[in-house]
Amino acid sequence: MNRKTLIVGLSITAAAASVSAESYTEYNTPFVSTAQRVVVQSQVARGVAPSINPWSTSYNPLAQFRSDRTRAQVSAEYVQAREVVNAFTGEDSGSGYLSGRPAAAGETFASVAAVR
């Protein structure tokens, strides 16, 4: 009995070892750049100023950010979206919410949130 079990186990192991879902060549293809090293380095230099250190603890990418909407507008949009999301993620998946509205062809979640 042990010989049969051993033979079956070894044959299954050998069959499983020879099967592979991916070939090795997929990960071994060499990268060929179309740009020269100097060009890439100049693009990087233009993108990040030398005085900016993004790994610094005092780095704040939003320091110069200015919104085009007021806090009240953003709060109102959030409340509207929250009500729609609660309706669509409820127990009935939004069918009760949608049944109270007239049907519109091609209506999406974004258009429902915009109407609300």
N, C-alpha and C. Protein backbone atom coordinates (compact mmCIF):
# COMPACT_ATOMS: atom_id res chain seq x y z
N MET A 1 0.83 -1.20 0.00
CA MET A 1 0.00 0.00 0.00
C MET A 1 0.86 1.25 0.00
N ASN A 2 1.96 1.22 0.76
CA ASN A 2 2.82 2.39 0.82
C ASN A 2 3.51 2.65 -0.52
N ARG A 3 3.86 1.59 -1.26
CA ARG A 3 4.50 1.76 -2.56
C ARG A 3 3.56 2.43 -3.54
N LYS A 4 2.31 1.99 -3.53
CA LYS A 4 1.33 2.59 -4.44
C LYS A 4 1.12 4.06 -4.10
N THR A 5 1.02 4.37 -2.85
CA THR A 5 0.83 5.76 -2.42
C THR A 5 2.04 6.60 -2.81
N LEU A 6 3.22 6.03 -2.63
CA LEU A 6 4.44 6.75 -2.99
C LEU A 6 4.53 6.97 -4.49
N ILE A 7 4.20 5.98 -5.27
CA ILE A 7 4.25 6.11 -6.73
C ILE A 7 3.23 7.13 -7.22
N VAL A 8 2.03 7.07 -6.69
CA VAL A 8 0.99 8.03 -7.08
C VAL A 8 1.41 9.45 -6.67
N GLY A 9 1.95 9.59 -5.50
CA GLY A 9 2.39 10.91 -5.04
C GLY A 9 3.50 11.48 -5.89
N LEU A 10 4.47 10.63 -6.23
CA LEU A 10 5.58 11.09 -7.07
C LEU A 10 5.11 11.44 -8.48
N SER A 11 4.18 10.68 -9.02
CA SER A 11 3.69 10.98 -10.37
C SER A 11 2.89 12.27 -10.39
N ILE A 12 2.12 12.53 -9.37
CA ILE A 12 1.38 13.80 -9.28
C ILE A 12 2.34 14.97 -9.13
N THR A 13 3.37 14.80 -8.33
CA THR A 13 4.37 15.85 -8.15
C THR A 13 5.11 16.13 -9.45
N ALA A 14 5.47 15.08 -10.17
CA ALA A 14 6.18 15.26 -11.44
C ALA A 14 5.29 15.95 -12.47
N ALA A 15 4.02 15.60 -12.50
CA ALA A 15 3.10 16.23 -13.45
C ALA A 15 2.87 17.70 -13.10
N ALA A 16 2.76 18.00 -11.82
CA ALA A 16 2.53 19.38 -11.40
C ALA A 16 3.77 20.24 -11.61
N ALA A 17 4.94 19.65 -11.48
CA ALA A 17 6.18 20.42 -11.65
C ALA A 17 6.41 20.80 -13.09
N SER A 18 5.92 20.00 -14.03
CA SER A 18 6.15 20.30 -15.44
C SER A 18 5.15 21.31 -15.98
N VAL A 19 4.08 21.58 -15.28
CA VAL A 19 3.05 22.51 -15.74
C VAL A 19 3.36 23.90 -15.21
N SER A 20 3.32 24.88 -16.10
CA SER A 20 3.56 26.27 -15.69
C SER A 20 2.59 27.16 -16.44
N ALA A 21 1.97 28.09 -15.74
CA ALA A 21 0.98 28.98 -16.36
C ALA A 21 1.65 30.09 -17.16
N GLU A 22 2.85 30.44 -16.83
CA GLU A 22 3.55 31.53 -17.50
C GLU A 22 4.92 31.06 -17.95
N SER A 23 5.37 31.64 -19.00
CA SER A 23 6.71 31.28 -19.46
C SER A 23 7.74 32.22 -18.85
N TYR A 24 8.93 31.74 -18.76
CA TYR A 24 10.01 32.53 -18.16
C TYR A 24 10.38 33.72 -19.04
N THR A 25 10.18 33.59 -20.33
CA THR A 25 10.60 34.67 -21.24
C THR A 25 9.79 35.93 -21.07
N GLU A 26 8.59 35.84 -20.48
CA GLU A 26 7.78 37.04 -20.27
C GLU A 26 8.48 38.02 -19.33
N TYR A 27 9.21 37.51 -18.37
CA TYR A 27 9.86 38.36 -17.39
C TYR A 27 11.32 38.61 -17.73
N ASN A 28 11.80 38.01 -18.78
CA ASN A 28 13.21 38.11 -19.10
C ASN A 28 13.45 38.93 -20.37
N THR A 29 12.43 39.65 -20.84
CA THR A 29 12.62 40.46 -22.04
C THR A 29 13.39 41.73 -21.67
N PRO A 30 14.43 42.07 -22.40
CA PRO A 30 15.22 43.25 -22.06
C PRO A 30 14.47 44.54 -22.41
N PHE A 31 14.68 45.56 -21.60
CA PHE A 31 14.08 46.87 -21.84
C PHE A 31 14.97 47.67 -22.78
N VAL A 32 14.37 48.24 -23.80
CA VAL A 32 15.11 49.06 -24.75
C VAL A 32 14.52 50.46 -24.71
N SER A 33 15.32 51.40 -24.28
CA SER A 33 14.86 52.77 -24.16
C SER A 33 14.87 53.46 -25.52
N THR A 34 13.90 54.36 -25.71
CA THR A 34 13.86 55.14 -26.95
C THR A 34 14.41 56.54 -26.74
N ALA A 35 14.70 56.90 -25.50
CA ALA A 35 15.25 58.22 -25.19
C ALA A 35 16.66 58.07 -24.63
N GLN A 36 17.45 59.11 -24.84
CA GLN A 36 18.80 59.08 -24.30
C GLN A 36 18.78 59.44 -22.82
N ARG A 37 19.79 59.01 -22.12
CA ARG A 37 19.88 59.23 -20.68
C ARG A 37 19.88 60.71 -20.33
N VAL A 38 20.57 61.53 -21.11
CA VAL A 38 20.66 62.97 -20.85
C VAL A 38 19.28 63.62 -20.99
N VAL A 39 18.49 63.18 -21.96
CA VAL A 39 17.16 63.74 -22.18
C VAL A 39 16.25 63.41 -20.99
N VAL A 40 16.31 62.18 -20.54
CA VAL A 40 15.49 61.77 -19.40
C VAL A 40 15.88 62.54 -18.15
N GLN A 41 17.17 62.70 -17.91
CA GLN A 41 17.63 63.43 -16.73
C GLN A 41 17.20 64.90 -16.79
N SER A 42 17.21 65.51 -17.97
CA SER A 42 16.78 66.91 -18.07
C SER A 42 15.27 67.03 -17.83
N GLN A 43 14.50 66.03 -18.28
CA GLN A 43 13.06 66.05 -18.02
C GLN A 43 12.77 65.92 -16.53
N VAL A 44 13.52 65.08 -15.85
CA VAL A 44 13.35 64.93 -14.41
C VAL A 44 13.74 66.22 -13.70
N ALA A 45 14.82 66.85 -14.14
CA ALA A 45 15.28 68.09 -13.51
C ALA A 45 14.25 69.20 -13.68
N ARG A 46 13.59 69.25 -14.83
CA ARG A 46 12.56 70.28 -15.04
C ARG A 46 11.32 70.01 -14.21
N GLY A 47 11.03 68.76 -13.93
CA GLY A 47 9.81 68.41 -13.20
C GLY A 47 9.90 68.67 -11.71
N VAL A 48 11.05 68.52 -11.13
CA VAL A 48 11.22 68.69 -9.68
C VAL A 48 12.36 69.68 -9.46
N ALA A 49 12.01 70.78 -8.80
CA ALA A 49 13.04 71.79 -8.51
C ALA A 49 14.03 71.23 -7.49
N PRO A 50 15.31 71.61 -7.59
CA PRO A 50 16.30 71.06 -6.66
C PRO A 50 16.04 71.43 -5.21
N SER A 51 15.33 72.53 -4.98
CA SER A 51 15.10 72.95 -3.60
C SER A 51 13.95 72.19 -2.94
N ILE A 52 13.17 71.44 -3.72
CA ILE A 52 12.04 70.70 -3.18
C ILE A 52 12.48 69.27 -2.87
N ASN A 53 12.23 68.88 -1.65
CA ASN A 53 12.53 67.51 -1.24
C ASN A 53 11.22 66.83 -0.86
N PRO A 54 10.65 65.99 -1.74
CA PRO A 54 9.35 65.38 -1.44
C PRO A 54 9.38 64.39 -0.27
N TRP A 55 10.56 64.01 0.20
CA TRP A 55 10.67 63.09 1.34
C TRP A 55 10.86 63.83 2.66
N SER A 56 10.85 65.15 2.60
CA SER A 56 11.02 65.94 3.81
C SER A 56 9.74 65.91 4.64
N THR A 57 9.88 66.02 5.95
CA THR A 57 8.70 66.06 6.81
C THR A 57 7.95 67.38 6.69
N SER A 58 8.59 68.41 6.18
CA SER A 58 7.93 69.71 6.03
C SER A 58 7.39 69.91 4.61
N TYR A 59 7.50 68.90 3.74
CA TYR A 59 7.01 69.01 2.36
C TYR A 59 5.49 69.06 2.36
N ASN A 60 4.92 70.07 1.73
CA ASN A 60 3.48 70.23 1.66
C ASN A 60 3.09 70.57 0.23
N PRO A 61 2.66 69.59 -0.57
CA PRO A 61 2.33 69.86 -1.96
C PRO A 61 1.09 70.73 -2.14
N LEU A 62 0.27 70.86 -1.10
CA LEU A 62 -0.95 71.66 -1.20
C LEU A 62 -0.80 73.05 -0.60
N ALA A 63 0.42 73.49 -0.35
CA ALA A 63 0.63 74.79 0.27
C ALA A 63 0.10 75.93 -0.59
N GLN A 64 0.22 75.82 -1.91
CA GLN A 64 -0.23 76.89 -2.80
C GLN A 64 -1.61 76.60 -3.40
N PHE A 65 -2.31 75.59 -2.94
CA PHE A 65 -3.61 75.22 -3.50
C PHE A 65 -4.68 76.21 -3.09
N ARG A 66 -5.53 76.60 -4.05
CA ARG A 66 -6.67 77.48 -3.78
C ARG A 66 -7.89 76.87 -4.46
N SER A 67 -8.96 76.71 -3.73
CA SER A 67 -10.18 76.11 -4.26
C SER A 67 -11.00 77.14 -5.00
N ASP A 68 -11.76 76.69 -5.99
CA ASP A 68 -12.64 77.60 -6.72
C ASP A 68 -14.06 77.56 -6.17
N ARG A 69 -14.29 76.76 -5.12
CA ARG A 69 -15.60 76.69 -4.49
C ARG A 69 -15.49 77.00 -3.01
N THR A 70 -16.58 77.42 -2.44
CA THR A 70 -16.58 77.75 -1.01
C THR A 70 -16.79 76.48 -0.19
N ARG A 71 -16.55 76.62 1.10
CA ARG A 71 -16.73 75.48 2.01
C ARG A 71 -18.18 75.04 2.04
N ALA A 72 -19.12 75.97 1.98
CA ALA A 72 -20.54 75.64 2.00
C ALA A 72 -20.94 74.85 0.75
N GLN A 73 -20.39 75.21 -0.42
CA GLN A 73 -20.70 74.49 -1.64
C GLN A 73 -20.18 73.05 -1.57
N VAL A 74 -18.98 72.89 -1.09
CA VAL A 74 -18.39 71.56 -0.98
C VAL A 74 -19.18 70.72 0.03
N SER A 75 -19.59 71.32 1.15
CA SER A 75 -20.38 70.59 2.15
C SER A 75 -21.73 70.16 1.59
N ALA A 76 -22.37 71.03 0.81
CA ALA A 76 -23.66 70.69 0.21
C ALA A 76 -23.50 69.55 -0.79
N GLU A 77 -22.45 69.57 -1.60
CA GLU A 77 -22.21 68.49 -2.54
C GLU A 77 -21.96 67.18 -1.81
N TYR A 78 -21.24 67.24 -0.70
CA TYR A 78 -20.96 66.04 0.07
C TYR A 78 -22.24 65.45 0.64
N VAL A 79 -23.11 66.29 1.17
CA VAL A 79 -24.37 65.81 1.74
C VAL A 79 -25.23 65.18 0.65
N GLN A 80 -25.29 65.79 -0.53
CA GLN A 80 -26.06 65.22 -1.63
C GLN A 80 -25.50 63.86 -2.04
N ALA A 81 -24.22 63.78 -2.19
CA ALA A 81 -23.60 62.52 -2.59
C ALA A 81 -23.80 61.46 -1.52
N ARG A 82 -23.73 61.86 -0.26
CA ARG A 82 -23.89 60.91 0.84
C ARG A 82 -25.30 60.30 0.82
N GLU A 83 -26.31 61.13 0.55
CA GLU A 83 -27.68 60.62 0.51
C GLU A 83 -27.86 59.64 -0.64
N VAL A 84 -27.29 59.95 -1.78
CA VAL A 84 -27.40 59.06 -2.94
C VAL A 84 -26.65 57.76 -2.67
N VAL A 85 -25.45 57.86 -2.12
CA VAL A 85 -24.68 56.65 -1.82
C VAL A 85 -25.40 55.78 -0.81
N ASN A 86 -25.97 56.39 0.22
CA ASN A 86 -26.73 55.62 1.20
C ASN A 86 -27.93 54.93 0.55
N ALA A 87 -28.57 55.61 -0.39
CA ALA A 87 -29.72 55.02 -1.07
C ALA A 87 -29.29 53.82 -1.92
N PHE A 88 -28.18 53.95 -2.63
CA PHE A 88 -27.74 52.87 -3.51
C PHE A 88 -27.05 51.73 -2.78
N THR A 89 -26.53 51.95 -1.60
CA THR A 89 -25.87 50.87 -0.87
C THR A 89 -26.74 50.30 0.24
N GLY A 90 -28.00 50.69 0.25
CA GLY A 90 -28.93 50.18 1.24
C GLY A 90 -29.32 48.74 0.96
N GLU A 91 -30.25 48.24 1.73
CA GLU A 91 -30.66 46.84 1.62
C GLU A 91 -31.28 46.53 0.27
N ASP A 92 -31.98 47.50 -0.32
CA ASP A 92 -32.65 47.25 -1.60
C ASP A 92 -31.81 47.70 -2.80
N SER A 93 -30.56 48.05 -2.56
CA SER A 93 -29.62 48.46 -3.62
C SER A 93 -30.12 49.64 -4.44
N GLY A 94 -30.89 50.50 -3.84
CA GLY A 94 -31.31 51.72 -4.52
C GLY A 94 -32.61 51.61 -5.28
N SER A 95 -33.26 50.45 -5.26
CA SER A 95 -34.50 50.31 -6.03
C SER A 95 -35.61 51.19 -5.45
N GLY A 96 -35.67 51.34 -4.14
CA GLY A 96 -36.66 52.21 -3.54
C GLY A 96 -36.43 53.67 -3.89
N TYR A 97 -35.16 54.05 -3.92
CA TYR A 97 -34.79 55.42 -4.29
C TYR A 97 -35.15 55.69 -5.75
N LEU A 98 -34.83 54.74 -6.63
CA LEU A 98 -35.10 54.93 -8.05
C LEU A 98 -36.58 54.83 -8.38
N SER A 99 -37.35 54.09 -7.59
CA SER A 99 -38.78 53.96 -7.88
C SER A 99 -39.52 55.27 -7.63
N GLY A 100 -38.96 56.13 -6.82
CA GLY A 100 -39.59 57.42 -6.55
C GLY A 100 -39.24 58.49 -7.56
N ARG A 101 -38.44 58.16 -8.54
CA ARG A 101 -38.03 59.12 -9.56
C ARG A 101 -38.54 58.67 -10.92
N PRO A 102 -38.79 59.59 -11.82
CA PRO A 102 -39.18 59.18 -13.17
C PRO A 102 -38.00 58.50 -13.87
N ALA A 103 -38.30 57.48 -14.65
CA ALA A 103 -37.24 56.73 -15.33
C ALA A 103 -36.63 57.57 -16.43
N ALA A 104 -35.32 57.44 -16.58
CA ALA A 104 -34.60 58.14 -17.64
C ALA A 104 -33.71 57.15 -18.35
N ALA A 105 -33.74 57.18 -19.65
CA ALA A 105 -32.91 56.25 -20.42
C ALA A 105 -31.45 56.64 -20.31
N GLY A 106 -30.61 55.67 -20.09
CA GLY A 106 -29.17 55.93 -20.04
C GLY A 106 -28.73 56.62 -18.77
N GLU A 107 -29.49 56.53 -17.72
CA GLU A 107 -29.13 57.21 -16.48
C GLU A 107 -28.03 56.45 -15.77
N THR A 108 -27.06 57.18 -15.25
CA THR A 108 -25.95 56.56 -14.52
C THR A 108 -25.94 57.09 -13.10
N PHE A 109 -25.07 56.50 -12.29
CA PHE A 109 -24.95 56.93 -10.90
C PHE A 109 -24.52 58.40 -10.83
N ALA A 110 -23.60 58.80 -11.71
CA ALA A 110 -23.11 60.19 -11.70
C ALA A 110 -24.22 61.15 -12.05
N SER A 111 -25.10 60.78 -13.01
CA SER A 111 -26.19 61.68 -13.38
C SER A 111 -27.22 61.76 -12.26
N VAL A 112 -27.42 60.65 -11.53
CA VAL A 112 -28.35 60.66 -10.41
C VAL A 112 -27.82 61.56 -9.32
N ALA A 113 -26.53 61.50 -9.04
CA ALA A 113 -25.94 62.35 -8.01
C ALA A 113 -26.00 63.82 -8.42
N ALA A 114 -25.85 64.12 -9.71
CA ALA A 114 -25.88 65.50 -10.17
C ALA A 114 -27.28 66.07 -10.08
N VAL A 115 -28.31 65.26 -10.33
CA VAL A 115 -29.69 65.73 -10.28
C VAL A 115 -30.11 65.98 -8.85
N ARG A 116 -29.67 65.18 -7.97
CA ARG A 116 -30.08 65.26 -6.56
C ARG A 116 -29.51 66.47 -5.97
